[in-house]
N, C-alpha and C. Protein backbone atom coordinates (compact mmCIF):
# COMPACT_ATOMS: atom_id res chain seq x y z
N UNK A 1 29.12 99.45 181.09
CA UNK A 1 28.03 99.44 182.04
C UNK A 1 27.49 100.86 182.25
N UNK A 2 28.35 101.85 182.13
CA UNK A 2 27.92 103.23 182.34
C UNK A 2 26.88 103.61 181.30
N UNK A 3 27.06 103.18 180.07
CA UNK A 3 26.11 103.49 179.01
C UNK A 3 24.76 102.86 179.30
N UNK A 4 24.76 101.64 179.77
CA UNK A 4 23.50 100.95 180.09
C UNK A 4 22.80 101.65 181.25
N UNK A 5 23.54 102.02 182.29
CA UNK A 5 22.93 102.71 183.43
C UNK A 5 22.38 104.08 183.00
N UNK A 6 23.09 104.76 182.13
CA UNK A 6 22.63 106.06 181.63
C UNK A 6 21.34 105.90 180.83
N UNK A 7 21.29 104.88 179.96
CA UNK A 7 20.08 104.63 179.16
C UNK A 7 18.90 104.25 180.04
N UNK A 8 19.13 103.40 181.03
CA UNK A 8 18.05 103.00 181.94
C UNK A 8 17.57 104.19 182.75
N UNK A 9 18.49 105.06 183.15
CA UNK A 9 18.10 106.27 183.88
C UNK A 9 17.20 107.17 183.07
N UNK A 10 17.56 107.36 181.78
CA UNK A 10 16.71 108.19 180.92
C UNK A 10 15.34 107.54 180.69
N UNK A 11 15.30 106.24 180.53
CA UNK A 11 14.01 105.56 180.38
C UNK A 11 13.15 105.73 181.62
N UNK A 12 13.77 105.70 182.79
CA UNK A 12 13.01 105.88 184.03
C UNK A 12 12.47 107.31 184.13
N UNK A 13 13.27 108.29 183.73
CA UNK A 13 12.81 109.69 183.75
C UNK A 13 11.64 109.87 182.78
N UNK A 14 11.76 109.31 181.60
CA UNK A 14 10.67 109.40 180.62
C UNK A 14 9.42 108.70 181.14
N UNK A 15 9.60 107.56 181.78
CA UNK A 15 8.47 106.83 182.36
C UNK A 15 7.76 107.67 183.42
N UNK A 16 8.52 108.33 184.27
CA UNK A 16 7.93 109.16 185.32
C UNK A 16 7.19 110.35 184.72
N UNK A 17 7.74 110.94 183.67
CA UNK A 17 7.11 112.10 183.04
C UNK A 17 5.82 111.73 182.31
N UNK A 18 5.73 110.53 181.76
CA UNK A 18 4.56 110.16 180.98
C UNK A 18 3.45 109.50 181.81
N UNK A 19 3.68 109.22 183.08
CA UNK A 19 2.64 108.60 183.90
C UNK A 19 1.38 109.45 184.01
N UNK A 20 1.49 110.76 184.30
CA UNK A 20 0.25 111.56 184.35
C UNK A 20 -0.48 111.62 183.01
N UNK A 21 0.28 111.63 181.92
CA UNK A 21 -0.34 111.66 180.60
C UNK A 21 -1.07 110.35 180.34
N UNK A 22 -0.46 109.24 180.69
CA UNK A 22 -1.11 107.93 180.49
C UNK A 22 -2.37 107.81 181.35
N UNK A 23 -2.31 108.30 182.59
CA UNK A 23 -3.50 108.27 183.43
C UNK A 23 -4.61 109.14 182.86
N UNK A 24 -4.25 110.29 182.31
CA UNK A 24 -5.24 111.18 181.72
C UNK A 24 -5.91 110.54 180.51
N UNK A 25 -5.10 109.90 179.65
CA UNK A 25 -5.68 109.23 178.49
C UNK A 25 -6.59 108.08 178.89
N UNK A 26 -6.20 107.36 179.93
CA UNK A 26 -7.03 106.25 180.41
C UNK A 26 -8.37 106.76 180.92
N UNK A 27 -8.35 107.84 181.70
CA UNK A 27 -9.57 108.41 182.24
C UNK A 27 -10.45 108.96 181.12
N UNK A 28 -9.84 109.68 180.16
CA UNK A 28 -10.60 110.22 179.04
C UNK A 28 -11.24 109.10 178.21
N UNK A 29 -10.50 108.04 177.95
CA UNK A 29 -11.03 106.93 177.16
C UNK A 29 -12.22 106.27 177.83
N UNK A 30 -12.15 106.09 179.14
CA UNK A 30 -13.26 105.46 179.83
C UNK A 30 -14.50 106.36 179.86
N UNK A 31 -14.30 107.64 180.04
CA UNK A 31 -15.45 108.57 180.04
C UNK A 31 -16.05 108.65 178.65
N UNK A 32 -15.21 108.74 177.63
CA UNK A 32 -15.70 108.83 176.26
C UNK A 32 -16.45 107.57 175.85
N UNK A 33 -15.95 106.41 176.26
CA UNK A 33 -16.64 105.16 175.93
C UNK A 33 -18.01 105.11 176.59
N UNK A 34 -18.11 105.54 177.84
CA UNK A 34 -19.40 105.55 178.52
C UNK A 34 -20.40 106.48 177.85
N UNK A 35 -19.93 107.67 177.47
CA UNK A 35 -20.82 108.61 176.78
C UNK A 35 -21.25 108.07 175.42
N UNK A 36 -20.36 107.39 174.73
CA UNK A 36 -20.71 106.82 173.43
C UNK A 36 -21.77 105.73 173.57
N UNK A 37 -21.65 104.91 174.61
CA UNK A 37 -22.65 103.86 174.86
C UNK A 37 -24.01 104.48 175.18
N UNK A 38 -23.99 105.54 176.01
CA UNK A 38 -25.26 106.19 176.35
C UNK A 38 -25.90 106.81 175.11
N UNK A 39 -25.12 107.42 174.24
CA UNK A 39 -25.69 107.99 173.03
C UNK A 39 -26.21 106.89 172.10
N UNK A 40 -25.48 105.79 171.97
CA UNK A 40 -25.92 104.70 171.10
C UNK A 40 -27.22 104.10 171.61
N UNK A 41 -27.35 103.95 172.93
CA UNK A 41 -28.57 103.37 173.48
C UNK A 41 -29.76 104.33 173.34
N UNK A 42 -29.51 105.63 173.40
CA UNK A 42 -30.62 106.57 173.30
C UNK A 42 -31.07 106.79 171.86
N UNK A 43 -30.25 106.47 170.88
CA UNK A 43 -30.65 106.66 169.48
C UNK A 43 -30.94 105.35 168.76
N UNK A 44 -30.80 104.22 169.46
CA UNK A 44 -30.99 102.93 168.79
C UNK A 44 -32.46 102.72 168.41
N UNK A 45 -33.35 102.85 169.38
CA UNK A 45 -34.78 102.67 169.13
C UNK A 45 -35.46 103.97 169.53
N UNK A 46 -35.98 104.74 168.57
CA UNK A 46 -36.52 106.07 168.90
C UNK A 46 -37.67 106.04 169.92
N UNK A 47 -38.50 104.99 169.89
CA UNK A 47 -39.62 104.93 170.82
C UNK A 47 -39.15 104.67 172.26
N UNK A 48 -38.07 103.95 172.42
CA UNK A 48 -37.56 103.62 173.75
C UNK A 48 -36.41 104.52 174.20
N UNK A 49 -36.18 105.62 173.50
CA UNK A 49 -35.02 106.46 173.81
C UNK A 49 -35.03 107.04 175.23
N UNK A 50 -36.20 107.32 175.86
CA UNK A 50 -36.12 107.80 177.25
C UNK A 50 -35.84 106.68 178.26
N UNK A 51 -36.19 105.43 177.91
CA UNK A 51 -36.12 104.34 178.88
C UNK A 51 -34.88 103.46 178.70
N UNK A 52 -34.48 103.24 177.47
CA UNK A 52 -33.42 102.28 177.19
C UNK A 52 -32.08 102.61 177.84
N UNK A 53 -31.65 103.87 177.92
CA UNK A 53 -30.32 104.12 178.51
C UNK A 53 -30.29 104.13 180.05
N UNK A 54 -31.42 103.98 180.72
CA UNK A 54 -31.45 104.08 182.19
C UNK A 54 -30.53 103.05 182.86
N UNK A 55 -30.55 101.77 182.50
CA UNK A 55 -29.59 100.85 183.14
C UNK A 55 -28.13 101.22 182.87
N UNK A 56 -27.87 101.81 181.72
CA UNK A 56 -26.51 102.19 181.39
C UNK A 56 -26.05 103.41 182.18
N UNK A 57 -27.01 104.26 182.61
CA UNK A 57 -26.64 105.37 183.49
C UNK A 57 -26.11 104.84 184.82
N UNK A 58 -26.80 103.85 185.38
CA UNK A 58 -26.33 103.26 186.64
C UNK A 58 -24.96 102.57 186.45
N UNK A 59 -24.80 101.89 185.34
CA UNK A 59 -23.52 101.26 185.04
C UNK A 59 -22.42 102.32 184.89
N UNK A 60 -22.76 103.45 184.27
CA UNK A 60 -21.78 104.52 184.10
C UNK A 60 -21.38 105.13 185.44
N UNK A 61 -22.31 105.25 186.37
CA UNK A 61 -21.98 105.75 187.70
C UNK A 61 -21.05 104.77 188.42
N UNK A 62 -21.34 103.48 188.31
CA UNK A 62 -20.47 102.47 188.91
C UNK A 62 -19.07 102.50 188.31
N UNK A 63 -18.98 102.60 186.99
CA UNK A 63 -17.69 102.68 186.32
C UNK A 63 -16.95 103.95 186.75
N UNK A 64 -17.68 105.05 186.92
CA UNK A 64 -17.07 106.29 187.38
C UNK A 64 -16.45 106.15 188.76
N UNK A 65 -17.16 105.49 189.68
CA UNK A 65 -16.60 105.27 191.01
C UNK A 65 -15.36 104.37 190.96
N UNK A 66 -15.42 103.32 190.17
CA UNK A 66 -14.27 102.43 190.05
C UNK A 66 -13.08 103.16 189.43
N UNK A 67 -13.32 103.97 188.40
CA UNK A 67 -12.24 104.72 187.77
C UNK A 67 -11.64 105.74 188.73
N UNK A 68 -12.47 106.38 189.53
CA UNK A 68 -11.95 107.33 190.52
C UNK A 68 -11.07 106.60 191.54
N UNK A 69 -11.50 105.41 191.96
CA UNK A 69 -10.70 104.63 192.90
C UNK A 69 -9.37 104.21 192.30
N UNK A 70 -9.39 103.72 191.06
CA UNK A 70 -8.17 103.29 190.39
C UNK A 70 -7.24 104.49 190.16
N UNK A 71 -7.79 105.62 189.72
CA UNK A 71 -6.99 106.81 189.49
C UNK A 71 -6.33 107.28 190.78
N UNK A 72 -7.09 107.25 191.89
CA UNK A 72 -6.55 107.66 193.18
C UNK A 72 -5.43 106.72 193.63
N UNK A 73 -5.66 105.41 193.51
CA UNK A 73 -4.65 104.45 193.94
C UNK A 73 -3.38 104.52 193.10
N UNK A 74 -3.52 104.64 191.78
CA UNK A 74 -2.34 104.73 190.92
C UNK A 74 -1.57 106.01 191.19
N UNK A 75 -2.28 107.11 191.40
CA UNK A 75 -1.61 108.37 191.72
C UNK A 75 -0.86 108.26 193.04
N UNK A 76 -1.47 107.64 194.04
CA UNK A 76 -0.82 107.47 195.34
C UNK A 76 0.42 106.58 195.22
N UNK A 77 0.31 105.50 194.46
CA UNK A 77 1.46 104.59 194.30
C UNK A 77 2.59 105.28 193.55
N UNK A 78 2.26 106.00 192.46
CA UNK A 78 3.29 106.69 191.70
C UNK A 78 3.96 107.77 192.54
N UNK A 79 3.18 108.50 193.34
CA UNK A 79 3.75 109.52 194.21
C UNK A 79 4.64 108.89 195.27
N UNK A 80 4.22 107.76 195.83
CA UNK A 80 5.05 107.07 196.83
C UNK A 80 6.37 106.59 196.20
N UNK A 81 6.31 106.08 194.97
CA UNK A 81 7.53 105.61 194.32
C UNK A 81 8.50 106.75 194.03
N UNK A 82 7.96 107.92 193.71
CA UNK A 82 8.83 109.05 193.42
C UNK A 82 9.44 109.60 194.70
N UNK A 83 8.67 109.64 195.80
CA UNK A 83 9.12 110.26 197.04
C UNK A 83 9.76 109.28 198.01
N UNK A 84 10.02 108.06 197.58
CA UNK A 84 10.56 107.05 198.48
C UNK A 84 12.02 107.35 198.79
N UNK A 85 12.38 107.22 200.07
CA UNK A 85 13.75 107.47 200.52
C UNK A 85 14.41 106.14 200.86
N UNK A 86 15.70 106.11 200.66
CA UNK A 86 16.48 104.93 201.04
C UNK A 86 16.64 104.89 202.54
N UNK A 87 16.41 103.76 203.14
CA UNK A 87 16.65 103.58 204.57
C UNK A 87 17.96 102.85 204.75
N UNK A 88 18.97 103.59 205.14
CA UNK A 88 20.27 103.00 205.36
C UNK A 88 20.54 102.88 206.85
N UNK A 89 21.75 102.54 207.19
CA UNK A 89 22.09 102.44 208.63
C UNK A 89 21.99 103.82 209.28
N UNK A 90 21.34 103.85 210.41
CA UNK A 90 21.14 105.10 211.14
C UNK A 90 22.43 105.47 211.87
N UNK A 91 22.78 106.73 211.82
CA UNK A 91 23.95 107.22 212.55
C UNK A 91 23.48 108.10 213.70
N UNK A 92 24.18 108.04 214.78
CA UNK A 92 23.88 108.90 215.93
C UNK A 92 24.41 110.29 215.63
N UNK A 93 23.56 111.28 215.84
CA UNK A 93 23.98 112.66 215.65
C UNK A 93 24.73 113.15 216.86
N UNK A 94 25.90 113.67 216.67
CA UNK A 94 26.69 114.13 217.81
C UNK A 94 26.77 115.63 217.85
């Protein structure tokens, strides 16, 4: 059982260390995808290049707000999980 607990402990440490990296990749991927869509819409039809990406700009702002909210919530939850204390029986200090 000691070997299993040791392995699970190391997996938990690795999981905690990679959470900020995973959040960063998620945020980068969403921003990159939005920029790629905006570029594709602006180069698709040369005559409509000033007008065609306008709805996608609004969509990109909405996605940015949602991503900021998700990033904030996940960071808060991960921080709470790391800083959580065990609540055991309270002892009177003498």
